[in-house]
Amino acid sequence: MRSDEIKKILKENKEFFEVLENYDKTRELPFQRKRIDITLSVETINKLKKIRDKTGKPISRIIEECVN
């Protein structure tokens, strides 16, 4: 492979290479999911449950969407 072909591939796929580079450092991929424990008020939990019932989405997905 020629040098210019390599540069073209690296440029076209830059974000994938960055994800793989980060994986080498952290052993985590950005789309992986992790379980954590958090403490919420009963009121907040009830609001989340109402939203879950209306939308059909899991509570974790609702929280992710609010944070993003």
Protein backbone atom coordinates (compact mmCIF):
# COMPACT_ATOMS: atom_id res chain seq x y z
CA MET A 1 0.00 0.00 0.00
CA ARG A 2 1.24 3.44 -0.83
CA SER A 3 1.66 6.18 1.74
CA ASP A 4 -1.06 8.35 0.20
CA GLU A 5 -3.54 5.45 0.29
CA ILE A 6 -2.79 4.91 3.97
CA LYS A 7 -3.29 8.62 4.73
CA LYS A 8 -6.59 8.58 2.84
CA ILE A 9 -7.85 5.56 4.82
CA LEU A 10 -6.76 7.15 8.11
CA LYS A 11 -8.49 10.43 7.22
CA GLU A 12 -11.74 8.75 6.12
CA ASN A 13 -11.91 6.58 9.26
CA LYS A 14 -10.39 8.96 11.80
CA GLU A 15 -13.14 8.56 14.41
CA PHE A 16 -12.92 4.75 14.29
CA PHE A 17 -9.19 4.85 14.82
CA GLU A 18 -9.66 7.24 17.75
CA VAL A 19 -12.20 4.86 19.32
CA LEU A 20 -9.79 1.96 18.93
CA GLU A 21 -6.92 4.03 20.34
CA ASN A 22 -9.03 4.95 23.36
CA TYR A 23 -9.99 1.27 23.76
CA ASP A 24 -6.31 0.33 23.89
CA LYS A 25 -5.86 2.78 26.77
CA THR A 26 -9.06 2.17 28.74
CA ARG A 27 -10.43 -1.21 27.58
CA GLU A 28 -13.82 0.51 27.22
CA LEU A 29 -15.79 1.28 24.10
CA PRO A 30 -18.02 4.38 24.05
CA PHE A 31 -21.12 2.35 23.25
CA GLN A 32 -20.62 -0.16 26.05
CA ARG A 33 -23.02 0.00 28.95
CA LYS A 34 -22.12 -0.22 32.64
CA ARG A 35 -24.28 -0.73 35.66
CA ILE A 36 -23.90 1.81 38.47
CA ASP A 37 -25.69 2.49 41.72
CA ILE A 38 -27.16 5.96 42.23
CA THR A 39 -29.36 7.42 44.92
CA LEU A 40 -32.46 9.32 43.81
CA SER A 41 -35.35 10.79 45.71
CA VAL A 42 -38.62 8.87 45.71
CA GLU A 43 -40.21 11.77 43.85
CA THR A 44 -37.64 11.56 41.05
CA ILE A 45 -38.03 7.79 40.80
CA ASN A 46 -41.80 8.14 40.51
CA LYS A 47 -41.40 10.76 37.76
CA LEU A 48 -39.04 8.46 35.88
CA LYS A 49 -41.49 5.57 36.21
CA LYS A 50 -44.29 7.75 34.77
CA ILE A 51 -42.11 8.72 31.83
CA ARG A 52 -41.17 5.05 31.36
CA ASP A 53 -44.84 4.06 31.29
CA LYS A 54 -45.69 6.79 28.76
CA THR A 55 -42.75 6.20 26.42
CA GLY A 56 -41.99 2.52 26.93
CA LYS A 57 -38.30 3.35 27.28
CA PRO A 58 -36.15 1.94 30.08
CA ILE A 59 -35.32 4.39 32.85
CA SER A 60 -31.61 4.18 32.05
CA ARG A 61 -32.30 5.28 28.46
CA ILE A 62 -34.42 8.21 29.70
CA ILE A 63 -31.58 9.37 31.96
CA GLU A 64 -29.01 9.03 29.15
CA GLU A 65 -31.16 11.13 26.83
CA CYS A 66 -31.49 13.85 29.47
CA VAL A 67 -27.75 13.95 30.07
CA ASN A 68 -26.88 14.01 26.38
